[in-house]
C-alpha cells in the first residue's frame, strides 16, 4: 500500500453484549496498522464493562459509555464530532474480521475515489464461508402508480464457492452497518444519521441518502468479515435485545421509512422482528415443550417476551429521567 491511511474504527453494540469480547479481540488481532479504535459501550453489564475498561487501558482504546440503552445510530452519531481522520469504519460488536479486511476497504476507496465501501459480509463463522450480503441494490420504483422500495441483498445464504466468479470489486447500492467504511467529509456533508431508525432499515435509508447525494458506493470481496447471528442470546443480553427488536422501536423505524421516502408500506420487517426477538427464548422453549407441550411453551415465550420488553423500556425511561434530573 503506497500511503498510510487515516482511519478511525468505531465499534458499537448491535443487539447483544455476549459477542463483544470475541469481536473486540478479533478486531485487535487484525488491526495491524494500529488505527485508533473508539468503542461505544451501551450500558453493558458489570463484567463486560470491566473488561472493556481493561482493554481500553491496555490498547489505548477510547471508551465512550452510556448508562442507558441507546440505538446503534445514536451511538454512531455521538462519535462523528470526535472524528479527525479521513475515513471512519463503523463495525458492530458481533462481527469477526478476516485478515487484511481493513486494508482492502481502504485500498478500494483509494483506487476508486469511493465515499462508501462495503466488504463481503458473511454470516456464521468465517470458515463456514456463507454469504450474508455481497453488496446489492436499493431503489424506489413505480408499480401500479405507487412508489415501491426494491431491495436486493445479493447472494444471501449462498456459499462463497458457489458464486466466487461473480464476486468482483464493483459499484453497489447496498451497504449494511455490520461493517462499513465512509469518507468522513462525505459523512459530514450528508449530515448525521437519521436517528428515527431505532431498530431497522437504517441501511436502506443510508443507501438512498448516498444516492441522493451522488455518492460513490463500492463493494470489495477482498475484505471479508462475518456477522455472528443469534442464538444464543444470554440472560444479560435479553433486555436490550428485546428493546432493539420491540414492536415500538421497529414500528417507529419502519413507519418513518415509509413516510420519509413516500413508499408503499409493507410488513415483512415487522414480522421478521417478532421471530427474531423470540430467539432469546429458544432454549427455554425447547425445555418447556419437552415437559409441558408446544402450546404451553409458546405461551411461556410470549409472556417472557412481553415482560422483558416492558422491563427494558422501563429501565430506559428511568435512566433518562435520572439523567435529566442530574442536569437540572
Protein backbone atom coordinates (compact mmCIF):
# COMPACT_ATOMS: atom_id res chain seq x y z
CA UNK A 1 0.00 0.00 0.00
CA UNK A 2 1.55 3.28 -1.13
CA UNK A 3 0.17 5.53 1.59
CA UNK A 4 -0.72 5.19 5.24
CA UNK A 5 -4.49 5.54 5.54
CA UNK A 6 -6.04 7.82 8.11
CA UNK A 7 -8.81 5.72 9.64
CA UNK A 8 -10.76 5.58 12.89
CA UNK A 9 -12.57 2.35 13.76
CA UNK A 10 -15.82 2.73 15.72
CA UNK A 11 -17.41 -0.34 17.31
CA UNK A 12 -20.99 -0.12 18.56
CA UNK A 13 -23.39 -2.58 20.14
CA UNK A 14 -25.82 -4.07 17.65
CA UNK A 15 -28.24 -6.27 19.61
CA UNK A 16 -26.31 -8.31 22.22
CA UNK A 17 -23.49 -7.92 24.74
CA UNK A 18 -22.25 -11.52 24.69
CA UNK A 19 -20.24 -11.44 21.41
CA UNK A 20 -18.32 -8.30 22.42
CA UNK A 21 -15.18 -9.99 23.75
CA UNK A 22 -14.73 -12.22 20.70
CA UNK A 23 -15.42 -9.36 18.33
CA UNK A 24 -13.08 -6.88 20.02
CA UNK A 25 -10.32 -9.50 20.29
CA UNK A 26 -10.71 -10.23 16.58
CA UNK A 27 -10.55 -6.52 15.78
CA UNK A 28 -7.39 -6.03 17.83
CA UNK A 29 -5.72 -9.04 16.21
CA UNK A 30 -6.43 -7.76 12.68
CA UNK A 31 -5.73 -4.07 13.32
CA UNK A 32 -2.15 -4.45 12.16
CA UNK A 33 -1.89 -0.76 11.31
CA UNK A 34 -2.67 0.23 14.87
CA UNK A 35 -5.51 2.52 13.79
CA UNK A 36 -7.38 4.30 16.58
CA UNK A 37 -10.42 2.49 17.98
CA UNK A 38 -13.44 4.01 19.67
CA UNK A 39 -15.77 1.61 21.48
CA UNK A 40 -19.28 2.79 22.38
CA UNK A 41 -20.34 0.87 25.49
CA UNK A 42 -24.11 0.82 25.54
CA UNK A 43 -24.86 0.22 29.25
CA UNK A 44 -23.10 -3.14 29.27
CA UNK A 45 -23.35 -5.38 32.38
CA UNK A 46 -20.58 -5.11 35.01
CA UNK A 47 -18.39 -7.99 33.82
CA UNK A 48 -18.23 -6.69 30.26
CA UNK A 49 -17.92 -3.09 31.44
CA UNK A 50 -14.82 -4.01 33.47
CA UNK A 51 -13.35 -6.00 30.59
CA UNK A 52 -13.81 -3.06 28.22
CA UNK A 53 -12.13 -0.72 30.69
CA UNK A 54 -9.19 -3.10 30.95
CA UNK A 55 -8.88 -3.42 27.16
CA UNK A 56 -9.16 0.35 26.75
CA UNK A 57 -6.23 0.86 29.12
CA UNK A 58 -4.09 -1.87 27.57
CA UNK A 59 -4.72 -0.99 23.92
CA UNK A 60 -5.34 2.76 24.06
CA UNK A 61 -8.98 2.39 23.03
CA UNK A 62 -11.21 5.41 23.53
CA UNK A 63 -14.19 4.17 25.53
CA UNK A 64 -17.47 6.08 25.42
CA UNK A 65 -20.07 4.68 27.82
CA UNK A 66 -23.81 5.21 28.07
CA UNK A 67 -25.61 4.30 31.26
CA UNK A 68 -28.91 3.89 29.40
CA UNK A 69 -29.72 1.83 26.33
CA UNK A 70 -29.43 3.72 23.08
CA UNK A 71 -29.87 2.84 19.43
CA UNK A 72 -26.89 1.96 17.22
CA UNK A 73 -27.40 5.04 15.02
CA UNK A 74 -27.46 7.30 18.08
CA UNK A 75 -24.19 5.72 19.19
CA UNK A 76 -22.61 6.32 15.79
CA UNK A 77 -23.81 9.92 15.65
CA UNK A 78 -22.28 10.62 19.04
CA UNK A 79 -18.86 9.74 17.66
CA UNK A 80 -18.99 11.74 14.43
CA UNK A 81 -17.95 15.05 16.07
CA UNK A 82 -14.90 13.27 17.54
CA UNK A 83 -13.56 12.10 14.17
CA UNK A 84 -10.29 13.61 13.00
CA UNK A 85 -9.33 11.05 10.35
CA UNK A 86 -10.06 10.93 6.62
CA UNK A 87 -12.11 7.75 6.95
CA UNK A 88 -14.26 6.11 9.59
CA UNK A 89 -15.10 2.42 9.70
CA UNK A 90 -18.23 1.54 11.66
CA UNK A 91 -18.36 -2.06 12.89
CA UNK A 92 -20.80 -3.92 15.12
CA UNK A 93 -19.82 -5.79 18.26
CA UNK A 94 -20.89 -9.15 16.84
CA UNK A 95 -18.52 -9.16 13.85
CA UNK A 96 -15.39 -11.25 13.28
CA UNK A 97 -12.71 -9.96 10.93
CA UNK A 98 -10.72 -11.69 8.21
CA UNK A 99 -7.03 -11.00 7.61
CA UNK A 100 -6.42 -7.76 5.73
CA UNK A 101 -10.06 -6.68 5.88
CA UNK A 102 -9.32 -3.07 6.76
CA UNK A 103 -6.51 -2.57 4.28
CA UNK A 104 -8.72 -3.92 1.47
CA UNK A 105 -11.51 -1.47 2.35
CA UNK A 106 -9.12 1.45 2.23
CA UNK A 107 -7.46 0.28 -0.98
CA UNK A 108 -10.85 0.09 -2.69
CA UNK A 109 -11.75 3.60 -1.52
CA UNK A 110 -8.38 4.93 -2.64
CA UNK A 111 -8.43 3.21 -6.05
CA UNK A 112 -11.94 4.33 -6.97
CA UNK A 113 -12.44 7.55 -5.03
CA UNK A 114 -15.28 5.86 -3.16
CA UNK A 115 -17.24 7.66 -0.47
CA UNK A 116 -18.54 4.39 0.98
CA UNK A 117 -17.09 0.87 0.80
CA UNK A 118 -18.71 -2.36 1.97
CA UNK A 119 -16.88 -5.66 2.42
CA UNK A 120 -18.09 -9.15 1.68
CA UNK A 121 -20.21 -9.76 4.78
CA UNK A 122 -20.62 -13.39 5.79
CA UNK A 123 -22.83 -14.97 8.45
CA UNK A 124 -21.77 -17.59 10.97
CA UNK A 125 -18.11 -18.37 11.47
CA UNK A 126 -15.61 -17.10 8.90
CA UNK A 127 -14.54 -20.60 7.90
CA UNK A 128 -18.14 -21.52 7.04
CA UNK A 129 -17.91 -19.15 4.02
CA UNK A 130 -21.66 -18.39 3.94
CA UNK A 131 -22.60 -15.02 2.48
CA UNK A 132 -24.86 -12.57 4.29
CA UNK A 133 -24.57 -9.86 1.66
CA UNK A 134 -22.18 -9.05 -1.17
CA UNK A 135 -23.47 -5.60 -1.97
CA UNK A 136 -26.79 -5.38 -3.78
CA UNK A 137 -29.34 -2.83 -4.86
CA UNK A 138 -31.70 -0.39 -3.17
CA UNK A 139 -34.05 1.64 -5.33
CA UNK A 140 -37.51 3.16 -5.37
CA UNK A 141 -39.56 2.13 -8.40
CA UNK A 142 -43.09 2.73 -9.67
CA UNK A 143 -45.57 -0.16 -9.57
CA UNK A 144 -49.25 0.36 -10.26
CA UNK A 145 -48.93 4.08 -9.76
CA UNK A 146 -47.31 3.68 -6.34
CA UNK A 147 -43.72 4.01 -5.15
CA UNK A 148 -42.25 0.70 -4.04
CA UNK A 149 -38.90 0.04 -2.39
CA UNK A 150 -36.96 -2.68 -4.20
CA UNK A 151 -34.12 -4.18 -2.14
CA UNK A 152 -31.77 -6.96 -3.22
CA UNK A 153 -29.40 -8.42 -0.63
CA UNK A 154 -27.08 -10.12 -3.08
CA UNK A 155 -26.19 -13.80 -2.62
CA UNK A 156 -27.80 -14.11 0.83
CA UNK A 157 -27.25 -17.63 2.18
CA UNK A 158 -25.06 -18.80 -0.71
CA UNK A 159 -21.57 -20.23 -0.25
CA UNK A 160 -18.62 -18.20 -1.48
CA UNK A 161 -17.52 -21.11 -3.69
CA UNK A 162 -20.94 -21.13 -5.34
CA UNK A 163 -20.67 -17.55 -6.63
CA UNK A 164 -16.91 -16.87 -6.49
CA UNK A 165 -16.77 -15.93 -10.18
CA UNK A 166 -19.30 -13.14 -9.61
CA UNK A 167 -17.55 -11.63 -6.60
CA UNK A 168 -15.70 -8.72 -8.14
CA UNK A 169 -14.86 -5.23 -6.94
CA UNK A 170 -17.60 -3.00 -8.34
CA UNK A 171 -20.05 -0.18 -7.59
CA UNK A 172 -23.02 -1.15 -5.45
CA UNK A 173 -26.12 0.38 -3.88
CA UNK A 174 -26.23 -1.80 -0.76
CA UNK A 175 -24.11 -1.49 2.37
CA UNK A 176 -25.04 -2.76 5.82
CA UNK A 177 -23.79 -1.39 9.11
CA UNK A 178 -22.26 -4.68 10.23
CA UNK A 179 -19.12 -3.17 8.70
CA UNK A 180 -18.87 -0.08 6.51
CA UNK A 181 -16.14 2.40 5.58
CA UNK A 182 -17.20 6.01 4.99
CA UNK A 183 -15.18 9.04 3.94
CA UNK A 184 -15.53 11.45 6.86
CA UNK A 185 -16.04 14.60 4.81
CA UNK A 186 -18.77 12.84 2.83
CA UNK A 187 -20.46 11.80 6.07
CA UNK A 188 -20.32 15.38 7.30
CA UNK A 189 -21.81 16.54 4.01
CA UNK A 190 -24.69 14.07 4.38
CA UNK A 191 -25.30 15.18 7.94
CA UNK A 192 -25.84 12.89 10.89
CA UNK A 193 -27.57 9.54 10.52
CA UNK A 194 -31.34 9.69 10.88
CA UNK A 195 -31.97 8.60 14.47
CA UNK A 196 -35.63 7.87 13.79
CA UNK A 197 -34.36 4.45 12.75
CA UNK A 198 -34.12 2.94 16.19
CA UNK A 199 -34.02 -0.69 15.11
CA UNK A 200 -34.45 -1.41 11.41
CA UNK A 201 -33.97 -0.15 7.83
CA UNK A 202 -31.19 2.28 8.70
CA UNK A 203 -29.06 0.75 5.92
CA UNK A 204 -31.85 1.33 3.39
CA UNK A 205 -32.20 4.97 4.38
CA UNK A 206 -28.42 5.44 4.23
CA UNK A 207 -28.27 3.85 0.77
CA UNK A 208 -30.97 6.19 -0.51
CA UNK A 209 -29.28 9.21 1.07
CA UNK A 210 -25.97 8.28 -0.59
CA UNK A 211 -27.72 8.05 -3.96
CA UNK A 212 -29.45 11.40 -3.42
CA UNK A 213 -26.07 12.98 -2.68
CA UNK A 214 -24.49 11.34 -5.77
CA UNK A 215 -22.07 9.48 -3.54
CA UNK A 216 -19.89 6.65 -4.82
CA UNK A 217 -20.51 3.35 -3.03
CA UNK A 218 -18.32 0.31 -3.78
CA UNK A 219 -18.21 -3.36 -2.86
CA UNK A 220 -14.93 -5.22 -2.46
CA UNK A 221 -14.69 -9.01 -1.94
CA UNK A 222 -11.07 -8.54 -0.89
CA UNK A 223 -12.35 -7.52 2.54
CA UNK A 224 -14.21 -10.22 4.46
CA UNK A 225 -15.98 -10.06 7.79
CA UNK A 226 -18.72 -12.17 9.31
CA UNK A 227 -21.76 -11.46 11.45
CA UNK A 228 -22.37 -13.83 14.37
CA UNK A 229 -26.11 -14.38 14.29
CA UNK A 230 -28.16 -15.28 17.38
CA UNK A 231 -28.87 -17.56 19.08
CA UNK A 232 -27.52 -17.78 21.66
CA UNK A 233 -28.92 -14.79 23.49
CA UNK A 234 -27.62 -14.70 27.06
CA UNK A 235 -29.60 -13.65 30.11
CA UNK A 236 -27.59 -10.40 30.18
CA UNK A 237 -28.47 -9.77 26.53
CA UNK A 238 -32.22 -10.12 26.83
CA UNK A 239 -33.34 -6.66 27.91
CA UNK A 240 -31.53 -4.76 25.19
CA UNK A 241 -32.25 -7.47 22.63
CA UNK A 242 -35.94 -7.21 23.48
CA UNK A 243 -35.89 -3.41 23.26
CA UNK A 244 -33.95 -3.30 20.00
CA UNK A 245 -36.46 -5.62 18.33
CA UNK A 246 -39.55 -4.40 20.20
CA UNK A 247 -42.74 -3.56 18.34
CA UNK A 248 -42.36 0.08 19.35
CA UNK A 249 -38.76 0.52 18.10
CA UNK A 250 -39.33 -1.49 14.92
CA UNK A 251 -42.70 0.10 14.22
CA UNK A 252 -41.33 3.61 14.61
CA UNK A 253 -38.40 2.78 12.33
CA UNK A 254 -40.49 1.24 9.58
CA UNK A 255 -43.22 3.88 9.66
CA UNK A 256 -40.58 6.59 9.37
CA UNK A 257 -39.05 4.87 6.33
CA UNK A 258 -42.41 4.72 4.54
CA UNK A 259 -43.27 8.33 5.31
CA UNK A 260 -39.84 9.84 4.62
CA UNK A 261 -39.46 8.24 1.20
CA UNK A 262 -43.18 8.18 0.34
CA UNK A 263 -43.19 4.46 -0.41
CA UNK A 264 -45.87 1.78 -0.16
CA UNK A 265 -45.83 0.25 3.36
CA UNK A 266 -45.00 -3.44 3.86
CA UNK A 267 -44.93 -5.60 6.97
CA UNK A 268 -42.19 -8.16 6.30
CA UNK A 269 -39.68 -6.45 8.60
CA UNK A 270 -42.20 -6.17 11.44
CA UNK A 271 -42.99 -9.88 11.08
CA UNK A 272 -39.27 -10.72 10.99
CA UNK A 273 -38.61 -8.73 14.16
CA UNK A 274 -41.12 -10.78 16.19
CA UNK A 275 -39.48 -14.06 15.14
CA UNK A 276 -36.01 -12.62 15.66
CA UNK A 277 -36.83 -11.23 19.10
CA UNK A 278 -38.03 -14.62 20.30
CA UNK A 279 -34.66 -16.19 19.53
CA UNK A 280 -33.83 -15.02 23.04
CA UNK A 281 -36.03 -17.80 24.41
CA UNK A 282 -35.26 -20.73 22.11
CA UNK A 283 -33.54 -22.79 24.81
CA UNK A 284 -36.39 -22.15 27.26
CA UNK A 285 -38.95 -23.03 24.59
CA UNK A 286 -37.25 -26.36 23.89
CA UNK A 287 -37.09 -27.31 27.59
CA UNK A 288 -40.68 -26.33 28.36
CA UNK A 289 -42.09 -28.01 25.25
CA UNK A 290 -40.45 -31.33 26.19
CA UNK A 291 -42.24 -31.43 29.53
CA UNK A 292 -45.41 -29.37 29.03
CA UNK A 293 -46.06 -29.39 25.30
CA UNK A 294 -45.63 -26.94 22.46
CA UNK A 295 -48.72 -24.86 23.20
CA UNK A 296 -47.71 -24.12 26.79
CA UNK A 297 -44.12 -23.40 25.68
CA UNK A 298 -45.43 -20.83 23.19
CA UNK A 299 -47.39 -19.11 25.97
CA UNK A 300 -44.32 -19.03 28.23
CA UNK A 301 -42.19 -17.46 25.49
CA UNK A 302 -44.88 -14.91 24.70
CA UNK A 303 -45.06 -13.95 28.39
CA UNK A 304 -41.27 -13.67 28.73
CA UNK A 305 -41.10 -11.62 25.55
CA UNK A 306 -43.69 -9.14 26.83
CA UNK A 307 -42.09 -8.99 30.29
CA UNK A 308 -38.56 -8.32 29.05
CA UNK A 309 -39.67 -5.71 26.54
CA UNK A 310 -41.61 -3.91 29.28
CA UNK A 311 -38.63 -4.10 31.67
CA UNK A 312 -36.25 -2.77 29.03
CA UNK A 313 -38.49 0.17 28.21
CA UNK A 314 -39.00 0.90 31.91
CA UNK A 315 -35.24 0.78 32.55
CA UNK A 316 -34.59 3.12 29.66
CA UNK A 317 -37.26 5.55 30.87
CA UNK A 318 -35.89 5.52 34.42
CA UNK A 319 -32.32 6.11 33.22
CA UNK A 320 -33.35 9.05 31.04
CA UNK A 321 -35.36 10.56 33.90
CA UNK A 322 -32.35 10.18 36.22
CA UNK A 323 -30.05 11.73 33.65
CA UNK A 324 -32.32 14.73 33.16
CA UNK A 325 -32.71 15.27 36.91
CA UNK A 326 -28.90 15.25 37.34
CA UNK A 327 -28.52 18.04 34.79
CA UNK A 328 -31.07 20.37 36.37
